[in-house]
C-alpha atoms as a PDB file:
ATOM      1  CA  UNK A   1     132.426 132.667 122.282  1.00  0.00           C
ATOM      2  CA  UNK A   2     136.142 133.199 123.142  1.00  0.00           C
ATOM      3  CA  UNK A   3     138.559 134.148 120.388  1.00  0.00           C
ATOM      4  CA  UNK A   4     142.373 134.511 120.836  1.00  0.00           C
ATOM      5  CA  UNK A   5     144.368 136.911 118.599  1.00  0.00           C
ATOM      6  CA  UNK A   6     148.124 137.006 119.232  1.00  0.00           C
ATOM      7  CA  UNK A   7     147.841 136.262 123.032  1.00  0.00           C
ATOM      8  CA  UNK A   8     144.871 138.764 123.368  1.00  0.00           C
ATOM      9  CA  UNK A   9     141.706 137.207 124.646  1.00  0.00           C
ATOM     10  CA  UNK A  10     138.384 138.752 123.392  1.00  0.00           C
ATOM     11  CA  UNK A  11     135.225 137.465 125.066  1.00  0.00           C
ATOM     12  CA  UNK A  12     132.029 138.070 123.215  1.00  0.00           C
ATOM     13  CA  UNK A  13     128.678 137.982 124.910  1.00  0.00           C
ATOM     14  CA  UNK A  14     125.368 137.708 123.095  1.00  0.00           C
ATOM     15  CA  UNK A  15     121.887 138.124 124.400  1.00  0.00           C
ATOM     16  CA  UNK A  16     118.807 137.021 122.489  1.00  0.00           C
ATOM     17  CA  UNK A  17     116.850 140.211 121.373  1.00  0.00           C
ATOM     18  CA  UNK A  18     113.196 139.929 122.139  1.00  0.00           C
ATOM     19  CA  UNK A  19     112.292 142.807 119.750  1.00  0.00           C
ATOM     20  CA  UNK A  20     110.254 141.834 116.699  1.00  0.00           C
ATOM     21  CA  UNK A  21     110.949 142.865 113.196  1.00  0.00           C
ATOM     22  CA  UNK A  22     111.572 146.515 112.391  1.00  0.00           C
ATOM     23  CA  UNK A  23     109.728 147.813 109.422  1.00  0.00           C
ATOM     24  CA  UNK A  24     111.264 150.616 107.372  1.00  0.00           C
ATOM     25  CA  UNK A  25     108.676 153.112 106.047  1.00  0.00           C
ATOM     26  CA  UNK A  26     109.954 154.908 102.903  1.00  0.00           C
ATOM     27  CA  UNK A  27     109.521 158.691 102.398  1.00  0.00           C
ATOM     28  CA  UNK A  28     106.383 158.099 100.300  1.00  0.00           C
ATOM     29  CA  UNK A  29     104.619 156.296 103.151  1.00  0.00           C
ATOM     30  CA  UNK A  30     104.958 152.856 101.686  1.00  0.00           C
ATOM     31  CA  UNK A  31     106.168 150.127 103.850  1.00  0.00           C
ATOM     32  CA  UNK A  32     109.365 148.228 102.663  1.00  0.00           C
ATOM     33  CA  UNK A  33     109.517 144.796 101.166  1.00  0.00           C
ATOM     34  CA  UNK A  34     111.761 143.270 103.910  1.00  0.00           C
ATOM     35  CA  UNK A  35     111.940 142.905 107.631  1.00  0.00           C
ATOM     36  CA  UNK A  36     115.054 143.529 109.587  1.00  0.00           C
ATOM     37  CA  UNK A  37     115.720 141.754 112.965  1.00  0.00           C
ATOM     38  CA  UNK A  38     118.453 142.548 115.605  1.00  0.00           C
ATOM     39  CA  UNK A  39     120.366 139.304 115.948  1.00  0.00           C
ATOM     40  CA  UNK A  40     120.504 136.889 117.747  1.00  0.00           C
ATOM     41  CA  UNK A  41     116.707 137.275 117.799  1.00  0.00           C
ATOM     42  CA  UNK A  42     114.642 135.225 120.333  1.00  0.00           C
ATOM     43  CA  UNK A  43     112.091 134.566 117.571  1.00  0.00           C
ATOM     44  CA  UNK A  44     114.737 132.422 115.721  1.00  0.00           C
ATOM     45  CA  UNK A  45     116.052 130.606 118.937  1.00  0.00           C
ATOM     46  CA  UNK A  46     116.214 126.878 118.053  1.00  0.00           C
ATOM     47  CA  UNK A  47     115.184 127.273 114.464  1.00  0.00           C
ATOM     48  CA  UNK A  48     118.629 126.170 113.030  1.00  0.00           C
ATOM     49  CA  UNK A  49     118.592 123.030 114.979  1.00  0.00           C
ATOM     50  CA  UNK A  50     115.075 122.131 113.573  1.00  0.00           C
ATOM     51  CA  UNK A  51     116.178 122.358 109.960  1.00  0.00           C
ATOM     52  CA  UNK A  52     116.797 119.047 108.232  1.00  0.00           C
ATOM     53  CA  UNK A  53     119.150 118.958 105.200  1.00  0.00           C
ATOM     54  CA  UNK A  54     121.303 116.435 103.553  1.00  0.00           C
ATOM     55  CA  UNK A  55     124.514 115.425 105.348  1.00  0.00           C
ATOM     56  CA  UNK A  56     127.107 118.077 105.618  1.00  0.00           C
ATOM     57  CA  UNK A  57     124.950 120.950 104.200  1.00  0.00           C
ATOM     58  CA  UNK A  58     124.660 122.910 107.441  1.00  0.00           C
ATOM     59  CA  UNK A  59     128.453 122.814 108.015  1.00  0.00           C
ATOM     60  CA  UNK A  60     129.026 124.071 104.373  1.00  0.00           C
ATOM     61  CA  UNK A  61     126.496 126.887 104.876  1.00  0.00           C
ATOM     62  CA  UNK A  62     128.163 127.954 108.096  1.00  0.00           C
ATOM     63  CA  UNK A  63     131.628 127.813 106.479  1.00  0.00           C
ATOM     64  CA  UNK A  64     130.298 129.907 103.566  1.00  0.00           C
ATOM     65  CA  UNK A  65     128.711 132.496 105.898  1.00  0.00           C
ATOM     66  CA  UNK A  66     131.933 132.745 107.946  1.00  0.00           C
ATOM     67  CA  UNK A  67     134.063 133.110 104.860  1.00  0.00           C
ATOM     68  CA  UNK A  68     131.718 135.917 103.633  1.00  0.00           C
ATOM     69  CA  UNK A  69     131.961 137.706 106.891  1.00  0.00           C
ATOM     70  CA  UNK A  70     135.777 137.472 107.035  1.00  0.00           C
ATOM     71  CA  UNK A  71     136.101 138.667 103.498  1.00  0.00           C
ATOM     72  CA  UNK A  72     133.889 141.615 104.209  1.00  0.00           C
ATOM     73  CA  UNK A  73     135.778 142.394 107.401  1.00  0.00           C
ATOM     74  CA  UNK A  74     139.090 142.269 105.454  1.00  0.00           C
ATOM     75  CA  UNK A  75     137.682 144.341 102.541  1.00  0.00           C
ATOM     76  CA  UNK A  76     138.243 141.665  99.936  1.00  0.00           C
ATOM     77  CA  UNK A  77     136.932 142.548  96.504  1.00  0.00           C
ATOM     78  CA  UNK A  78     133.873 140.245  95.883  1.00  0.00           C
ATOM     79  CA  UNK A  79     134.527 140.178  92.259  1.00  0.00           C
ATOM     80  CA  UNK A  80     137.979 138.859  92.805  1.00  0.00           C
ATOM     81  CA  UNK A  81     136.663 135.975  95.045  1.00  0.00           C
ATOM     82  CA  UNK A  82     133.817 135.155  92.448  1.00  0.00           C
ATOM     83  CA  UNK A  83     136.228 135.166  89.629  1.00  0.00           C
ATOM     84  CA  UNK A  84     138.901 133.010  91.390  1.00  0.00           C
ATOM     85  CA  UNK A  85     136.593 130.854  93.542  1.00  0.00           C
END
């Protein structure tokens, strides 16, 4: 992926992680209720392409995720966003 910001070129390289899920063990010895993966994970390679949704839903999901990441990066108050849509 190549991004350009004010004539500065930033090249980002990603490599699929072959590590499986990491399980967090709490201090009381119980395993957690979630799994965490380092992304992009080889285990999920090709999964997005195999999903079948109504027309346009994948694009809306990607736009939503991109917006959420951008708002987080810019420290936008999530209550302000949810209030104003």
